[in-house]
Each structure stands twice: as structure tokens, then as C-alpha cells.
N, C-alpha and C. Protein backbone atom coordinates (compact mmCIF):
# COMPACT_ATOMS: atom_id res chain seq x y z
N MET A 1 117.67 110.35 277.58
CA MET A 1 118.61 110.16 276.47
C MET A 1 118.45 111.32 275.50
N ASP A 2 119.58 111.86 275.07
CA ASP A 2 119.59 112.97 274.12
C ASP A 2 119.69 112.37 272.70
N ILE A 3 118.53 112.24 272.06
CA ILE A 3 118.46 111.59 270.75
C ILE A 3 119.32 112.33 269.72
N ALA A 4 119.28 113.64 269.73
CA ALA A 4 120.06 114.41 268.76
C ALA A 4 121.55 114.11 268.90
N ALA A 5 122.03 114.04 270.14
CA ALA A 5 123.45 113.74 270.37
C ALA A 5 123.78 112.31 269.94
N GLU A 6 122.88 111.39 270.28
CA GLU A 6 123.09 109.99 269.89
C GLU A 6 123.13 109.85 268.36
N LEU A 7 122.21 110.50 267.69
CA LEU A 7 122.18 110.45 266.23
C LEU A 7 123.41 111.10 265.62
N SER A 8 123.88 112.14 266.25
CA SER A 8 125.09 112.80 265.78
C SER A 8 126.27 111.83 265.84
N GLY A 9 126.35 111.06 266.92
CA GLY A 9 127.40 110.06 267.05
C GLY A 9 127.30 108.96 265.99
N VAL A 10 126.08 108.55 265.72
CA VAL A 10 125.86 107.57 264.65
C VAL A 10 126.31 108.17 263.32
N GLY A 11 125.96 109.43 263.10
CA GLY A 11 126.36 110.11 261.87
C GLY A 11 127.87 110.13 261.68
N VAL A 12 128.60 110.32 262.77
CA VAL A 12 130.07 110.30 262.70
C VAL A 12 130.55 108.93 262.23
N ARG A 13 129.99 107.88 262.81
CA ARG A 13 130.38 106.51 262.42
C ARG A 13 130.03 106.23 260.94
N VAL A 14 128.88 106.70 260.51
CA VAL A 14 128.48 106.48 259.12
C VAL A 14 129.42 107.24 258.18
N ARG A 15 129.78 108.47 258.53
CA ARG A 15 130.72 109.23 257.70
C ARG A 15 132.09 108.55 257.65
N GLU A 16 132.53 107.99 258.78
CA GLU A 16 133.80 107.26 258.80
C GLU A 16 133.72 106.05 257.87
N ALA A 17 132.60 105.36 257.89
CA ALA A 17 132.42 104.20 257.00
C ALA A 17 132.43 104.65 255.54
N ALA A 18 131.72 105.74 255.25
CA ALA A 18 131.67 106.24 253.88
C ALA A 18 133.07 106.65 253.40
N ASP A 19 133.82 107.31 254.27
CA ASP A 19 135.18 107.72 253.91
C ASP A 19 136.06 106.49 253.64
N ALA A 20 135.91 105.46 254.47
CA ALA A 20 136.70 104.24 254.29
C ALA A 20 136.36 103.57 252.97
N VAL A 21 135.08 103.49 252.65
CA VAL A 21 134.66 102.86 251.40
C VAL A 21 135.16 103.66 250.20
N GLU A 22 135.03 104.96 250.27
CA GLU A 22 135.47 105.81 249.15
C GLU A 22 136.98 105.67 248.91
N ALA A 23 137.74 105.45 249.98
CA ALA A 23 139.20 105.35 249.86
C ALA A 23 139.67 103.93 249.52
N ASP A 24 138.78 102.98 249.55
CA ASP A 24 139.13 101.57 249.36
C ASP A 24 139.02 101.20 247.88
N SER A 25 140.15 101.06 247.24
CA SER A 25 140.14 100.75 245.80
C SER A 25 139.59 99.36 245.52
N GLY A 26 139.54 98.50 246.53
CA GLY A 26 139.01 97.16 246.34
C GLY A 26 137.51 97.04 246.56
N ALA A 27 136.90 98.12 247.05
CA ALA A 27 135.46 98.09 247.32
C ALA A 27 134.69 98.06 246.00
N SER A 28 133.66 97.24 245.96
CA SER A 28 132.86 97.12 244.74
C SER A 28 131.97 98.35 244.56
N PRO A 29 131.56 98.61 243.32
CA PRO A 29 130.64 99.72 243.08
C PRO A 29 129.32 99.56 243.85
N VAL A 30 128.89 98.33 244.06
CA VAL A 30 127.66 98.09 244.83
C VAL A 30 127.85 98.54 246.27
N LEU A 31 128.97 98.16 246.88
CA LEU A 31 129.24 98.56 248.26
C LEU A 31 129.31 100.08 248.36
N VAL A 32 130.00 100.70 247.43
CA VAL A 32 130.12 102.16 247.44
C VAL A 32 128.73 102.80 247.38
N ALA A 33 127.89 102.32 246.49
CA ALA A 33 126.54 102.88 246.34
C ALA A 33 125.69 102.67 247.60
N VAL A 34 125.77 101.50 248.19
CA VAL A 34 124.96 101.20 249.38
C VAL A 34 125.42 102.06 250.56
N VAL A 35 126.71 102.22 250.72
CA VAL A 35 127.22 103.04 251.83
C VAL A 35 126.94 104.52 251.59
N ARG A 36 126.97 104.95 250.36
CA ARG A 36 126.58 106.34 250.06
C ARG A 36 125.13 106.58 250.46
N GLU A 37 124.27 105.61 250.20
CA GLU A 37 122.86 105.72 250.58
C GLU A 37 122.72 105.75 252.11
N PHE A 38 123.50 104.94 252.80
CA PHE A 38 123.52 104.93 254.26
C PHE A 38 123.90 106.32 254.78
N ARG A 39 124.92 106.90 254.18
CA ARG A 39 125.35 108.25 254.59
C ARG A 39 124.27 109.28 254.29
N SER A 40 123.67 109.18 253.13
CA SER A 40 122.61 110.11 252.76
C SER A 40 121.45 110.05 253.76
N LYS A 41 121.07 108.85 254.15
CA LYS A 41 119.98 108.69 255.12
C LYS A 41 120.39 109.22 256.49
N ALA A 42 121.63 108.99 256.88
CA ALA A 42 122.11 109.51 258.18
C ALA A 42 122.07 111.03 258.18
N ASP A 43 122.52 111.64 257.10
CA ASP A 43 122.49 113.11 257.00
C ASP A 43 121.05 113.61 257.05
N LYS A 44 120.16 112.93 256.35
CA LYS A 44 118.74 113.32 256.31
C LYS A 44 118.10 113.22 257.69
N VAL A 45 118.36 112.12 258.39
CA VAL A 45 117.77 111.93 259.72
C VAL A 45 118.30 112.98 260.69
N ASN A 46 119.59 113.25 260.64
CA ASN A 46 120.16 114.25 261.53
C ASN A 46 119.57 115.63 261.26
N ARG A 47 119.39 115.98 260.00
CA ARG A 47 118.77 117.28 259.65
C ARG A 47 117.33 117.33 260.14
N SER A 48 116.57 116.27 259.88
CA SER A 48 115.15 116.30 260.21
C SER A 48 114.92 116.33 261.72
N VAL A 49 115.75 115.64 262.49
CA VAL A 49 115.63 115.67 263.95
C VAL A 49 115.94 117.08 264.45
N GLY A 50 116.92 117.72 263.83
CA GLY A 50 117.24 119.10 264.18
C GLY A 50 116.09 120.06 263.90
N GLU A 51 115.24 119.68 262.98
CA GLU A 51 114.07 120.51 262.62
C GLU A 51 112.82 120.08 263.39
N GLY A 52 112.96 119.13 264.31
CA GLY A 52 111.84 118.72 265.14
C GLY A 52 110.98 117.60 264.58
N ALA A 53 111.46 116.90 263.58
CA ALA A 53 110.69 115.80 262.97
C ALA A 53 110.65 114.61 263.93
N PRO A 54 109.66 113.73 263.77
CA PRO A 54 109.61 112.52 264.59
C PRO A 54 110.87 111.67 264.38
N VAL A 55 111.35 111.10 265.45
CA VAL A 55 112.63 110.41 265.42
C VAL A 55 112.51 108.94 265.03
N ARG A 56 111.54 108.26 265.56
CA ARG A 56 111.47 106.79 265.44
C ARG A 56 111.52 106.33 263.98
N GLU A 57 110.71 106.94 263.14
CA GLU A 57 110.67 106.52 261.73
C GLU A 57 112.04 106.70 261.07
N GLY A 58 112.70 107.81 261.35
CA GLY A 58 114.03 108.05 260.78
C GLY A 58 115.05 107.04 261.26
N VAL A 59 114.99 106.69 262.54
CA VAL A 59 115.92 105.71 263.09
C VAL A 59 115.70 104.34 262.45
N VAL A 60 114.45 103.96 262.27
CA VAL A 60 114.14 102.67 261.63
C VAL A 60 114.65 102.66 260.19
N GLU A 61 114.43 103.75 259.47
CA GLU A 61 114.90 103.86 258.09
C GLU A 61 116.43 103.79 258.03
N LEU A 62 117.07 104.46 258.98
CA LEU A 62 118.53 104.45 259.03
C LEU A 62 119.06 103.06 259.38
N GLU A 63 118.37 102.36 260.26
CA GLU A 63 118.80 101.01 260.60
C GLU A 63 118.68 100.08 259.38
N GLN A 64 117.64 100.25 258.59
CA GLN A 64 117.48 99.43 257.38
C GLN A 64 118.62 99.70 256.40
N ALA A 65 119.00 100.96 256.27
CA ALA A 65 120.13 101.29 255.39
C ALA A 65 121.42 100.69 255.94
N GLY A 66 121.56 100.70 257.27
CA GLY A 66 122.72 100.07 257.90
C GLY A 66 122.76 98.58 257.68
N ASP A 67 121.59 97.93 257.76
CA ASP A 67 121.52 96.50 257.49
C ASP A 67 122.00 96.19 256.06
N SER A 68 121.58 97.02 255.12
CA SER A 68 121.99 96.84 253.72
C SER A 68 123.50 97.03 253.57
N ALA A 69 124.03 98.04 254.25
CA ALA A 69 125.47 98.31 254.17
C ALA A 69 126.27 97.14 254.76
N LYS A 70 125.81 96.63 255.88
CA LYS A 70 126.50 95.50 256.51
C LYS A 70 126.47 94.28 255.59
N ALA A 71 125.31 93.99 255.01
CA ALA A 71 125.20 92.85 254.09
C ALA A 71 126.11 93.05 252.88
N ALA A 72 126.17 94.27 252.37
CA ALA A 72 127.00 94.55 251.19
C ALA A 72 128.48 94.38 251.50
N VAL A 73 128.92 94.86 252.67
CA VAL A 73 130.34 94.73 252.99
C VAL A 73 130.71 93.27 253.26
N GLU A 74 129.78 92.51 253.83
CA GLU A 74 130.05 91.09 254.07
C GLU A 74 130.12 90.30 252.76
N ALA A 75 129.41 90.75 251.75
CA ALA A 75 129.40 90.07 250.45
C ALA A 75 130.55 90.52 249.55
N ASP A 76 131.18 91.63 249.89
CA ASP A 76 132.23 92.20 249.04
C ASP A 76 133.58 91.61 249.39
N THR A 77 134.08 90.73 248.54
CA THR A 77 135.35 90.07 248.82
C THR A 77 136.56 90.96 248.58
N GLY A 78 136.35 92.11 247.93
CA GLY A 78 137.46 93.01 247.65
C GLY A 78 137.66 94.11 248.67
N ALA A 79 136.69 94.29 249.55
CA ALA A 79 136.79 95.36 250.54
C ALA A 79 137.86 95.03 251.58
N SER A 80 138.57 96.04 252.03
CA SER A 80 139.62 95.84 253.03
C SER A 80 139.02 95.56 254.40
N ASP A 81 139.86 95.04 255.29
CA ASP A 81 139.41 94.79 256.66
C ASP A 81 139.01 96.09 257.34
N ALA A 82 139.76 97.17 257.08
CA ALA A 82 139.45 98.46 257.69
C ALA A 82 138.07 98.95 257.23
N THR A 83 137.78 98.77 255.96
CA THR A 83 136.47 99.15 255.43
C THR A 83 135.37 98.32 256.09
N SER A 84 135.59 97.04 256.17
CA SER A 84 134.61 96.15 256.79
C SER A 84 134.35 96.55 258.23
N ARG A 85 135.41 96.82 258.98
CA ARG A 85 135.25 97.23 260.39
C ARG A 85 134.48 98.54 260.50
N ALA A 86 134.78 99.50 259.62
CA ALA A 86 134.12 100.81 259.69
C ALA A 86 132.63 100.69 259.38
N VAL A 87 132.28 99.91 258.37
CA VAL A 87 130.87 99.74 258.01
C VAL A 87 130.13 99.00 259.13
N LYS A 88 130.75 97.97 259.67
CA LYS A 88 130.10 97.22 260.75
C LYS A 88 129.96 98.06 262.02
N ALA A 89 130.92 98.94 262.28
CA ALA A 89 130.83 99.83 263.45
C ALA A 89 129.68 100.82 263.27
N ALA A 90 129.49 101.32 262.06
CA ALA A 90 128.38 102.23 261.80
C ALA A 90 127.05 101.50 261.95
N HIS A 91 126.97 100.29 261.45
CA HIS A 91 125.76 99.48 261.59
C HIS A 91 125.46 99.22 263.06
N LEU A 92 126.47 98.85 263.82
CA LEU A 92 126.29 98.58 265.24
C LEU A 92 125.81 99.83 265.98
N ALA A 93 126.35 100.99 265.62
CA ALA A 93 125.97 102.24 266.28
C ALA A 93 124.47 102.52 266.13
N ILE A 94 123.94 102.33 264.93
CA ILE A 94 122.50 102.61 264.74
C ILE A 94 121.67 101.51 265.42
N CYS A 95 122.14 100.28 265.44
CA CYS A 95 121.41 99.21 266.13
C CYS A 95 121.32 99.49 267.63
N ILE A 96 122.41 99.95 268.21
CA ILE A 96 122.43 100.26 269.63
C ILE A 96 121.48 101.40 269.93
N LEU A 97 121.48 102.43 269.09
CA LEU A 97 120.57 103.55 269.30
C LEU A 97 119.12 103.08 269.23
N LYS A 98 118.79 102.28 268.24
CA LYS A 98 117.40 101.79 268.13
C LYS A 98 117.02 100.97 269.35
N ALA A 99 117.93 100.16 269.83
CA ALA A 99 117.64 99.34 271.01
C ALA A 99 117.41 100.20 272.25
N LYS A 100 118.07 101.32 272.35
CA LYS A 100 117.89 102.23 273.48
C LYS A 100 116.53 102.90 273.45
N MET A 101 115.94 103.00 272.27
CA MET A 101 114.67 103.67 272.13
C MET A 101 113.58 102.72 272.55
């Protein structure tokens, strides 16, 4: 398994979720902040893996951020269905990667 490629794919999903949240006028400030943190962690993990850093710890940290994002979108009654789907897809992507490891 090519971890860098897999993480890159997860990063794409996280960026899509972040873009959806940023464009969603109904998204709460809490959801926006949590998804921004998810994106920040995804960017950090992708950079560090590119620099040869250990992968497992970064993946676990990213999954925890994804768990928070999923919980936040499920609690946010103002978020659109498209936003909810994008955040849940990003969460699922990191869960699948962790399970493969």
C-alpha cells in the first residue's frame, strides 16, 4: 500500500469538506472551526509523511480530528446535506485508511 498516495486521497476529501463548510452559510462557527482543524491536520500529516515522518501517529491524530468533524456536522442543524455528506466522506476516508494499516 502506498501510504503517501492514500493520504493524498484523504487530503482531497478533507479539502472538499472544508470547501463545503466554508461555502455553507448555515454551518455553525463551531463546525467551521472543527473542519478547519481537520484540514490543518490533514495538511500537516501529508507534509510530514512527505518528509519521512512516522505515519501511524499522524493517521491516528487525523482520525481523531475526523471523528470531531463528524460529530460536529451531526450536531449542526443548520449545515446543508451537501456539507454533511462531504464531512462524513472525509471522515470515512481516514477511517478506511487507518483500517488498512
